[in-house]
Amino acid sequence: MFTPRELGLERGWPGRIDGDRVVQLAAQTLQAFFTGGGSAREHAEYPLADVVLRPPVLHPPAVRDFMAFEAHVANARRQRGADVPKEWYEIPVFYFSNPAALHGPDDEVPFPDGTNELDYELECAAMIGADGAIGGFTVLNDWSARDVQRAEMRVGLGPAKGKDFATSIGPVLVTPDEFDGTSGTMIARVNGEERSRGELGDMFHGWDALVAQAARNTVLRPGDIIGSGTVGNGCILEHGDGRWLQRGDVVELEIEGIGVLRNTIA
């Protein structure tokens, strides 16, 4: 999704990036584009330098975030003196995030009230396209208030408010013919300093398994977001150094083959 800088549209238009230009597609939203079978007439062209990229989907029907990387699960549970449960290897598990708190590339993300431990999470995401299949891949930041999350999960539910305040996706959606989601170096930077590095190819549960689990006993709709979960060592929690995010920090998540998702903590 994009909007010409001179118009400043909140929702924007679906577009196809062709080199240094963006071609407008004849659909109101990316969901509508996929509902129509993943094809549309093409309209005006704009220089890429003269447009603002918006979230690939502004109001997804659902956001499901999985835990597909063994190293992340093992690192996080080790800090609580726990092992990876055997059930994790048997079924991919997910939680529902908040479709109403979505942010795009270069958006400011509000610092959530009530936390002193704000964290990024370096993830890849698939978007459901036509006929329940994956329509493309993007970068996902599953922002987390760790102290809030820790308290609520002691009750036996969650994460909920610990992640309810923001999820970022972008900068673009790369279709499976150009990027199949099976490999790519993943990097997180804070204020230009590299803080995390991992490999998308380390997913234990693959995309087919994630989509099948998400679709079991329900219907996936165009625009649904399927998160991979955090790559190993892809968040501050795993490092254990207490260098939590602060107001004004610039967080960049990069996946080779997709691009860089950049946000500033407001």
C-alpha atoms as a PDB file:
ATOM      1  CA  MET A   1       0.000   0.000   0.000  1.00  0.00           C
ATOM      2  CA  PHE A   2       1.225   3.505  -0.794  1.00  0.00           C
ATOM      3  CA  THR A   3       0.106   7.105  -0.957  1.00  0.00           C
ATOM      4  CA  PRO A   4       1.572   9.973  -2.984  1.00  0.00           C
ATOM      5  CA  ARG A   5       3.231  12.427  -0.598  1.00  0.00           C
ATOM      6  CA  GLU A   6       1.199  15.315  -1.996  1.00  0.00           C
ATOM      7  CA  LEU A   7      -2.101  13.578  -1.134  1.00  0.00           C
ATOM      8  CA  GLY A   8      -1.284  12.117   2.299  1.00  0.00           C
ATOM      9  CA  LEU A   9      -4.031   9.488   2.229  1.00  0.00           C
ATOM     10  CA  GLU A  10      -4.239   7.480   5.439  1.00  0.00           C
ATOM     11  CA  ARG A  11      -5.225   4.187   3.828  1.00  0.00           C
ATOM     12  CA  GLY A  12      -3.482   4.647   0.494  1.00  0.00           C
ATOM     13  CA  TRP A  13      -3.752   2.468  -2.589  1.00  0.00           C
ATOM     14  CA  PRO A  14      -2.449  -0.982  -3.511  1.00  0.00           C
ATOM     15  CA  GLY A  15       0.517  -0.727  -5.824  1.00  0.00           C
ATOM     16  CA  ARG A  16       3.164  -2.776  -7.587  1.00  0.00           C
ATOM     17  CA  ILE A  17       6.771  -1.627  -7.261  1.00  0.00           C
ATOM     18  CA  ASP A  18       8.579  -1.736 -10.592  1.00  0.00           C
ATOM     19  CA  GLY A  19      12.152  -0.541 -10.201  1.00  0.00           C
ATOM     20  CA  ASP A  20      12.054   3.091  -9.107  1.00  0.00           C
ATOM     21  CA  ARG A  21       8.328   3.500  -9.781  1.00  0.00           C
ATOM     22  CA  VAL A  22       5.055   2.409  -8.192  1.00  0.00           C
ATOM     23  CA  VAL A  23       2.124   1.354 -10.363  1.00  0.00           C
ATOM     24  CA  GLN A  24      -1.325   1.923  -8.824  1.00  0.00           C
ATOM     25  CA  LEU A  25      -3.620  -1.138  -8.906  1.00  0.00           C
ATOM     26  CA  ALA A  26      -7.373  -0.887  -9.416  1.00  0.00           C
ATOM     27  CA  ALA A  27      -8.443  -2.136  -5.976  1.00  0.00           C
ATOM     28  CA  GLN A  28      -9.493  -0.249  -2.873  1.00  0.00           C
ATOM     29  CA  THR A  29      -7.413  -2.390  -0.477  1.00  0.00           C
ATOM     30  CA  LEU A  30      -4.973  -5.260  -0.627  1.00  0.00           C
ATOM     31  CA  GLN A  31      -7.712  -7.507   0.782  1.00  0.00           C
ATOM     32  CA  ALA A  32      -9.921  -6.541  -2.163  1.00  0.00           C
ATOM     33  CA  PHE A  33      -7.058  -7.227  -4.565  1.00  0.00           C
ATOM     34  CA  PHE A  34      -6.639 -10.769  -3.225  1.00  0.00           C
ATOM     35  CA  THR A  35     -10.385 -11.347  -2.971  1.00  0.00           C
ATOM     36  CA  GLY A  36     -10.510 -10.591  -6.693  1.00  0.00           C
ATOM     37  CA  GLY A  37      -8.039 -13.382  -7.355  1.00  0.00           C
ATOM     38  CA  GLY A  38      -4.768 -11.460  -7.049  1.00  0.00           C
ATOM     39  CA  SER A  39      -5.003  -9.469 -10.279  1.00  0.00           C
ATOM     40  CA  ALA A  40      -6.271  -5.991 -11.167  1.00  0.00           C
ATOM     41  CA  ARG A  41      -6.043  -3.330 -13.839  1.00  0.00           C
ATOM     42  CA  GLU A  42      -3.160  -0.913 -13.538  1.00  0.00           C
ATOM     43  CA  HIS A  43      -3.612   2.844 -13.255  1.00  0.00           C
ATOM     44  CA  ALA A  44      -1.194   5.735 -12.784  1.00  0.00           C
ATOM     45  CA  GLU A  45       2.527   5.449 -12.112  1.00  0.00           C
ATOM     46  CA  TYR A  46       4.414   7.412  -9.465  1.00  0.00           C
ATOM     47  CA  PRO A  47       8.142   7.770  -8.740  1.00  0.00           C
ATOM     48  CA  LEU A  48       8.976   5.632  -5.705  1.00  0.00           C
ATOM     49  CA  ALA A  49      10.754   8.638  -4.168  1.00  0.00           C
ATOM     50  CA  ASP A  50       7.489  10.607  -4.248  1.00  0.00           C
ATOM     51  CA  VAL A  51       5.324   8.140  -2.309  1.00  0.00           C
ATOM     52  CA  VAL A  52       4.926   7.058   1.311  1.00  0.00           C
ATOM     53  CA  LEU A  53       4.676   3.339   1.990  1.00  0.00           C
ATOM     54  CA  ARG A  54       1.778   2.372   4.233  1.00  0.00           C
ATOM     55  CA  PRO A  55       1.231  -0.919   6.101  1.00  0.00           C
ATOM     56  CA  PRO A  56       0.698  -3.674   3.504  1.00  0.00           C
ATOM     57  CA  VAL A  57      -2.697  -4.189   5.150  1.00  0.00           C
ATOM     58  CA  LEU A  58      -4.168  -1.469   7.349  1.00  0.00           C
ATOM     59  CA  HIS A  59      -7.001  -3.385   9.015  1.00  0.00           C
ATOM     60  CA  PRO A  60      -6.303  -7.144   8.781  1.00  0.00           C
ATOM     61  CA  PRO A  61      -9.250  -9.418   9.639  1.00  0.00           C
ATOM     62  CA  ALA A  62      -7.014 -11.309  12.096  1.00  0.00           C
ATOM     63  CA  VAL A  63      -3.419 -11.353  13.319  1.00  0.00           C
ATOM     64  CA  ARG A  64      -2.091 -14.734  14.448  1.00  0.00           C
ATOM     65  CA  ASP A  65       1.472 -14.857  15.761  1.00  0.00           C
ATOM     66  CA  PHE A  66       3.183 -18.240  16.101  1.00  0.00           C
ATOM     67  CA  MET A  67       6.345 -19.477  17.877  1.00  0.00           C
ATOM     68  CA  ALA A  68       8.138 -21.293  15.069  1.00  0.00           C
ATOM     69  CA  PHE A  69      11.790 -20.835  16.116  1.00  0.00           C
ATOM     70  CA  GLU A  70      13.110 -23.373  18.640  1.00  0.00           C
ATOM     71  CA  ALA A  71      16.031 -21.195  19.744  1.00  0.00           C
ATOM     72  CA  HIS A  72      13.738 -18.337  20.779  1.00  0.00           C
ATOM     73  CA  VAL A  73      11.477 -20.634  22.793  1.00  0.00           C
ATOM     74  CA  ALA A  74      14.443 -22.341  24.440  1.00  0.00           C
ATOM     75  CA  ASN A  75      16.203 -19.067  25.295  1.00  0.00           C
ATOM     76  CA  ALA A  76      13.097 -17.455  26.744  1.00  0.00           C
ATOM     77  CA  ARG A  77      12.089 -20.492  28.817  1.00  0.00           C
ATOM     78  CA  ARG A  78      15.639 -21.031  30.072  1.00  0.00           C
ATOM     79  CA  GLN A  79      15.443 -17.673  31.822  1.00  0.00           C
ATOM     80  CA  ARG A  80      12.491 -19.051  33.806  1.00  0.00           C
ATOM     81  CA  GLY A  81      14.282 -22.308  34.558  1.00  0.00           C
ATOM     82  CA  ALA A  82      12.063 -24.270  32.155  1.00  0.00           C
ATOM     83  CA  ASP A  83      12.648 -26.513  29.152  1.00  0.00           C
ATOM     84  CA  VAL A  84      10.855 -26.485  25.821  1.00  0.00           C
ATOM     85  CA  PRO A  85       7.684 -28.575  26.318  1.00  0.00           C
ATOM     86  CA  LYS A  86       7.326 -31.631  24.086  1.00  0.00           C
ATOM     87  CA  GLU A  87       4.007 -30.273  22.802  1.00  0.00           C
ATOM     88  CA  TRP A  88       5.852 -27.398  21.117  1.00  0.00           C
ATOM     89  CA  TYR A  89       7.489 -29.880  18.739  1.00  0.00           C
ATOM     90  CA  GLU A  90       4.154 -31.549  17.973  1.00  0.00           C
ATOM     91  CA  ILE A  91       1.945 -28.585  17.073  1.00  0.00           C
ATOM     92  CA  PRO A  92       2.638 -24.964  16.065  1.00  0.00           C
ATOM     93  CA  VAL A  93       0.969 -22.663  18.597  1.00  0.00           C
ATOM     94  CA  PHE A  94      -0.069 -19.024  18.247  1.00  0.00           C
ATOM     95  CA  TYR A  95      -1.807 -16.170  20.012  1.00  0.00           C
ATOM     96  CA  PHE A  96      -4.163 -13.555  18.559  1.00  0.00           C
ATOM     97  CA  SER A  97      -2.799 -10.023  18.396  1.00  0.00           C
ATOM     98  CA  ASN A  98      -4.686  -6.745  17.943  1.00  0.00           C
ATOM     99  CA  PRO A  99      -5.675  -5.789  14.350  1.00  0.00           C
ATOM    100  CA  ALA A 100      -6.614  -2.295  15.580  1.00  0.00           C
ATOM    101  CA  ALA A 101      -3.064  -1.456  16.708  1.00  0.00           C
ATOM    102  CA  LEU A 102      -1.175  -1.907  13.446  1.00  0.00           C
ATOM    103  CA  HIS A 103       1.671   0.398  12.379  1.00  0.00           C
ATOM    104  CA  GLY A 104       3.530   0.698   9.092  1.00  0.00           C
ATOM    105  CA  PRO A 105       7.023   1.651   7.932  1.00  0.00           C
ATOM    106  CA  ASP A 106       8.427   4.855   9.455  1.00  0.00           C
ATOM    107  CA  ASP A 107       5.406   5.254  11.741  1.00  0.00           C
ATOM    108  CA  GLU A 108       5.919   6.432  15.289  1.00  0.00           C
ATOM    109  CA  VAL A 109       4.953   3.730  17.790  1.00  0.00           C
ATOM    110  CA  PRO A 110       3.533   5.015  21.090  1.00  0.00           C
ATOM    111  CA  PHE A 111       5.395   4.048  24.242  1.00  0.00           C
ATOM    112  CA  PRO A 112       2.860   1.946  26.156  1.00  0.00           C
ATOM    113  CA  ASP A 113       1.687   3.086  29.562  1.00  0.00           C
ATOM    114  CA  GLY A 114       2.707   0.960  32.529  1.00  0.00           C
ATOM    115  CA  THR A 115       5.933  -0.647  31.278  1.00  0.00           C
ATOM    116  CA  ASN A 116       9.619  -0.259  31.978  1.00  0.00           C
ATOM    117  CA  GLU A 117      10.673  -3.166  29.732  1.00  0.00           C
ATOM    118  CA  LEU A 118       9.721  -2.377  26.134  1.00  0.00           C
ATOM    119  CA  ASP A 119      11.099  -4.921  23.652  1.00  0.00           C
ATOM    120  CA  TYR A 120      11.201  -5.482  19.896  1.00  0.00           C
ATOM    121  CA  GLU A 121      10.682  -8.903  18.319  1.00  0.00           C
ATOM    122  CA  LEU A 122      12.304  -9.715  14.971  1.00  0.00           C
ATOM    123  CA  GLU A 123       9.847 -11.723  12.866  1.00  0.00           C
ATOM    124  CA  CYS A 124       8.687 -12.538   9.363  1.00  0.00           C
ATOM    125  CA  ALA A 125       4.997 -12.534   8.472  1.00  0.00           C
ATOM    126  CA  ALA A 126       2.914 -14.079   5.730  1.00  0.00           C
ATOM    127  CA  MET A 127      -0.290 -12.483   4.459  1.00  0.00           C
ATOM    128  CA  ILE A 128      -3.156 -14.636   3.305  1.00  0.00           C
ATOM    129  CA  GLY A 129      -4.031 -13.918  -0.318  1.00  0.00           C
ATOM    130  CA  ALA A 130      -6.415 -15.554  -2.742  1.00  0.00           C
ATOM    131  CA  ASP A 131      -8.019 -18.942  -1.971  1.00  0.00           C
ATOM    132  CA  GLY A 132      -6.480 -19.216   1.508  1.00  0.00           C
ATOM    133  CA  ALA A 133      -2.919 -19.390   0.169  1.00  0.00           C
ATOM    134  CA  ILE A 134      -0.007 -17.147   1.121  1.00  0.00           C
ATOM    135  CA  GLY A 135      -0.126 -13.975  -0.945  1.00  0.00           C
ATOM    136  CA  GLY A 136       3.200 -12.559   0.184  1.00  0.00           C
ATOM    137  CA  PHE A 137       5.715 -11.997   2.961  1.00  0.00           C
ATOM    138  CA  THR A 138       6.712  -8.955   4.981  1.00  0.00           C
ATOM    139  CA  VAL A 139       8.663  -7.959   8.114  1.00  0.00           C
ATOM    140  CA  LEU A 140       6.854  -7.973  11.458  1.00  0.00           C
ATOM    141  CA  ASN A 141       7.754  -6.359  14.788  1.00  0.00           C
ATOM    142  CA  ASP A 142       5.754  -7.884  17.637  1.00  0.00           C
ATOM    143  CA  TRP A 143       6.397  -5.126  20.201  1.00  0.00           C
ATOM    144  CA  SER A 144       6.280  -6.458  23.758  1.00  0.00           C
ATOM    145  CA  ALA A 145       5.963  -4.908  27.219  1.00  0.00           C
ATOM    146  CA  ARG A 146       7.819  -7.655  29.042  1.00  0.00           C
ATOM    147  CA  ASP A 147       6.985  -6.702  32.626  1.00  0.00           C
ATOM    148  CA  VAL A 148       3.270  -6.451  31.779  1.00  0.00           C
ATOM    149  CA  GLN A 149       3.418  -9.734  29.865  1.00  0.00           C
ATOM    150  CA  ARG A 150       5.252 -11.489  32.704  1.00  0.00           C
ATOM    151  CA  ALA A 151       2.652 -10.498  35.287  1.00  0.00           C
ATOM    152  CA  GLU A 152      -0.426 -11.466  33.257  1.00  0.00           C
ATOM    153  CA  MET A 153       0.995 -14.817  32.126  1.00  0.00           C
ATOM    154  CA  ARG A 154       1.460 -15.887  35.757  1.00  0.00           C
ATOM    155  CA  VAL A 155      -2.335 -16.052  35.835  1.00  0.00           C
ATOM    156  CA  GLY A 156      -2.302 -18.597  33.016  1.00  0.00           C
ATOM    157  CA  LEU A 157      -3.595 -16.464  30.148  1.00  0.00           C
ATOM    158  CA  GLY A 158      -1.873 -14.224  27.668  1.00  0.00           C
ATOM    159  CA  PRO A 159       0.075 -12.635  26.241  1.00  0.00           C
ATOM    160  CA  ALA A 160      -2.603  -9.968  26.010  1.00  0.00           C
ATOM    161  CA  LYS A 161      -1.961  -6.402  27.263  1.00  0.00           C
ATOM    162  CA  GLY A 162       1.755  -7.100  27.088  1.00  0.00           C
ATOM    163  CA  LYS A 163       1.428  -7.049  23.289  1.00  0.00           C
ATOM    164  CA  ASP A 164      -1.971  -5.412  22.699  1.00  0.00           C
ATOM    165  CA  PHE A 165      -0.646  -1.904  22.082  1.00  0.00           C
ATOM    166  CA  ALA A 166       1.274  -2.239  18.790  1.00  0.00           C
ATOM    167  CA  THR A 167       2.380  -4.474  15.929  1.00  0.00           C
ATOM    168  CA  SER A 168       4.390  -3.127  12.994  1.00  0.00           C
ATOM    169  CA  ILE A 169       4.526  -4.598   9.485  1.00  0.00           C
ATOM    170  CA  GLY A 170       6.216  -3.561   6.250  1.00  0.00           C
ATOM    171  CA  PRO A 171       7.843  -2.004   4.371  1.00  0.00           C
ATOM    172  CA  VAL A 172       6.364  -3.984   1.449  1.00  0.00           C
ATOM    173  CA  LEU A 173       4.681  -7.300   0.682  1.00  0.00           C
ATOM    174  CA  VAL A 174       6.915  -9.529  -1.453  1.00  0.00           C
ATOM    175  CA  THR A 175       5.012 -12.147  -3.452  1.00  0.00           C
ATOM    176  CA  PRO A 176       6.002 -15.844  -3.274  1.00  0.00           C
ATOM    177  CA  ASP A 177       7.329 -15.865  -6.848  1.00  0.00           C
ATOM    178  CA  GLU A 178      10.093 -13.512  -5.664  1.00  0.00           C
ATOM    179  CA  PHE A 179      10.502 -14.636  -2.038  1.00  0.00           C
ATOM    180  CA  ASP A 180       9.329 -18.004  -0.717  1.00  0.00           C
ATOM    181  CA  GLY A 181       9.898 -17.397   3.002  1.00  0.00           C
ATOM    182  CA  THR A 182      12.373 -20.244   3.493  1.00  0.00           C
ATOM    183  CA  SER A 183      15.648 -18.346   3.885  1.00  0.00           C
ATOM    184  CA  GLY A 184      17.078 -14.916   4.550  1.00  0.00           C
ATOM    185  CA  THR A 185      19.280 -13.207   7.125  1.00  0.00           C
ATOM    186  CA  MET A 186      17.306 -11.324   9.779  1.00  0.00           C
ATOM    187  CA  ILE A 187      18.828  -8.324  11.596  1.00  0.00           C
ATOM    188  CA  ALA A 188      17.593  -5.929  14.279  1.00  0.00           C
ATOM    189  CA  ARG A 189      19.224  -2.554  14.944  1.00  0.00           C
ATOM    190  CA  VAL A 190      18.518   0.038  17.619  1.00  0.00           C
ATOM    191  CA  ASN A 191      19.789   3.548  16.856  1.00  0.00           C
ATOM    192  CA  GLY A 192      22.052   2.029  14.194  1.00  0.00           C
ATOM    193  CA  GLU A 193      23.598  -0.582  16.498  1.00  0.00           C
ATOM    194  CA  GLU A 194      23.072  -4.215  15.551  1.00  0.00           C
ATOM    195  CA  ARG A 195      21.380  -5.978  18.445  1.00  0.00           C
ATOM    196  CA  SER A 196      20.076  -9.218  16.881  1.00  0.00           C
ATOM    197  CA  ARG A 197      20.901 -11.485  13.945  1.00  0.00           C
ATOM    198  CA  GLY A 198      19.296 -14.749  12.874  1.00  0.00           C
ATOM    199  CA  GLU A 199      18.242 -16.871   9.909  1.00  0.00           C
ATOM    200  CA  LEU A 200      14.722 -17.335   8.591  1.00  0.00           C
ATOM    201  CA  GLY A 201      15.730 -20.827   7.487  1.00  0.00           C
ATOM    202  CA  ASP A 202      15.926 -21.887  11.159  1.00  0.00           C
ATOM    203  CA  MET A 203      12.120 -22.117  11.472  1.00  0.00           C
ATOM    204  CA  PHE A 204      11.241 -25.487  12.999  1.00  0.00           C
ATOM    205  CA  HIS A 205       7.609 -25.299  11.885  1.00  0.00           C
ATOM    206  CA  GLY A 206       7.352 -24.263   8.216  1.00  0.00           C
ATOM    207  CA  TRP A 207       4.836 -21.930   6.613  1.00  0.00           C
ATOM    208  CA  ASP A 208       2.648 -24.774   5.332  1.00  0.00           C
ATOM    209  CA  ALA A 209       2.278 -26.055   8.895  1.00  0.00           C
ATOM    210  CA  LEU A 210       1.510 -22.588  10.269  1.00  0.00           C
ATOM    211  CA  VAL A 211      -1.156 -21.891   7.657  1.00  0.00           C
ATOM    212  CA  ALA A 212      -2.711 -25.345   8.104  1.00  0.00           C
ATOM    213  CA  GLN A 213      -2.908 -24.880  11.873  1.00  0.00           C
ATOM    214  CA  ALA A 214      -4.336 -21.365  11.511  1.00  0.00           C
ATOM    215  CA  ALA A 215      -7.001 -22.652   9.086  1.00  0.00           C
ATOM    216  CA  ARG A 216      -7.994 -25.706  11.131  1.00  0.00           C
ATOM    217  CA  ASN A 217     -11.722 -25.526  12.048  1.00  0.00           C
ATOM    218  CA  THR A 218     -12.030 -21.996  10.670  1.00  0.00           C
ATOM    219  CA  VAL A 219     -11.667 -19.951   7.480  1.00  0.00           C
ATOM    220  CA  LEU A 220      -8.696 -17.753   6.644  1.00  0.00           C
ATOM    221  CA  ARG A 221      -9.557 -14.502   4.910  1.00  0.00           C
ATOM    222  CA  PRO A 222      -7.553 -12.313   2.533  1.00  0.00           C
ATOM    223  CA  GLY A 223      -5.453  -9.919   4.577  1.00  0.00           C
ATOM    224  CA  ASP A 224      -5.050 -12.241   7.569  1.00  0.00           C
ATOM    225  CA  ILE A 225      -1.545 -11.953   9.064  1.00  0.00           C
ATOM    226  CA  ILE A 226       0.427 -15.075  10.056  1.00  0.00           C
ATOM    227  CA  GLY A 227       3.534 -14.273  12.120  1.00  0.00           C
ATOM    228  CA  SER A 228       6.510 -16.605  12.311  1.00  0.00           C
ATOM    229  CA  GLY A 229       7.338 -15.752  15.883  1.00  0.00           C
ATOM    230  CA  THR A 230      10.696 -14.359  16.944  1.00  0.00           C
ATOM    231  CA  VAL A 231      13.893 -15.676  15.386  1.00  0.00           C
ATOM    232  CA  GLY A 232      16.474 -17.014  17.844  1.00  0.00           C
ATOM    233  CA  ASN A 233      18.172 -14.165  19.753  1.00  0.00           C
ATOM    234  CA  GLY A 234      15.734 -11.807  18.024  1.00  0.00           C
ATOM    235  CA  CYS A 235      14.658  -9.768  21.060  1.00  0.00           C
ATOM    236  CA  ILE A 236      16.121  -8.035  24.107  1.00  0.00           C
ATOM    237  CA  LEU A 237      14.559 -10.573  26.475  1.00  0.00           C
ATOM    238  CA  GLU A 238      16.772 -13.331  25.100  1.00  0.00           C
ATOM    239  CA  HIS A 239      19.926 -11.262  25.553  1.00  0.00           C
ATOM    240  CA  GLY A 240      19.206 -10.749  29.246  1.00  0.00           C
ATOM    241  CA  ASP A 241      21.167  -7.469  29.335  1.00  0.00           C
ATOM    242  CA  GLY A 242      18.287  -5.207  30.405  1.00  0.00           C
ATOM    243  CA  ARG A 243      18.865  -2.753  27.543  1.00  0.00           C
ATOM    244  CA  TRP A 244      15.168  -2.105  27.055  1.00  0.00           C
ATOM    245  CA  LEU A 245      13.870   0.340  24.464  1.00  0.00           C
ATOM    246  CA  GLN A 246      13.464   3.987  25.409  1.00  0.00           C
ATOM    247  CA  ARG A 247      11.449   6.900  24.043  1.00  0.00           C
ATOM    248  CA  GLY A 248      13.072   8.255  20.895  1.00  0.00           C
ATOM    249  CA  ASP A 249      14.830   5.010  19.961  1.00  0.00           C
ATOM    250  CA  VAL A 250      14.834   4.096  16.269  1.00  0.00           C
ATOM    251  CA  VAL A 251      14.278   0.371  15.714  1.00  0.00           C
ATOM    252  CA  GLU A 252      15.087  -1.219  12.362  1.00  0.00           C
ATOM    253  CA  LEU A 253      14.194  -4.809  11.501  1.00  0.00           C
ATOM    254  CA  GLU A 254      15.594  -6.183   8.251  1.00  0.00           C
ATOM    255  CA  ILE A 255      14.965  -9.408   6.382  1.00  0.00           C
ATOM    256  CA  GLU A 256      17.116 -10.200   3.387  1.00  0.00           C
ATOM    257  CA  GLY A 257      14.868 -10.319   0.331  1.00  0.00           C
ATOM    258  CA  ILE A 258      12.138  -8.111   1.820  1.00  0.00           C
ATOM    259  CA  GLY A 259      13.636  -4.896   3.164  1.00  0.00           C
ATOM    260  CA  VAL A 260      13.868  -2.765   6.318  1.00  0.00           C
ATOM    261  CA  LEU A 261      10.972  -1.978   8.657  1.00  0.00           C
ATOM    262  CA  ARG A 262      11.842   1.198  10.583  1.00  0.00           C
ATOM    263  CA  ASN A 263       9.921   2.713  13.496  1.00  0.00           C
ATOM    264  CA  THR A 264      10.621   5.363  16.124  1.00  0.00           C
ATOM    265  CA  ILE A 265       9.390   5.036  19.711  1.00  0.00           C
ATOM    266  CA  ALA A 266       7.290   8.162  20.265  1.00  0.00           C
END
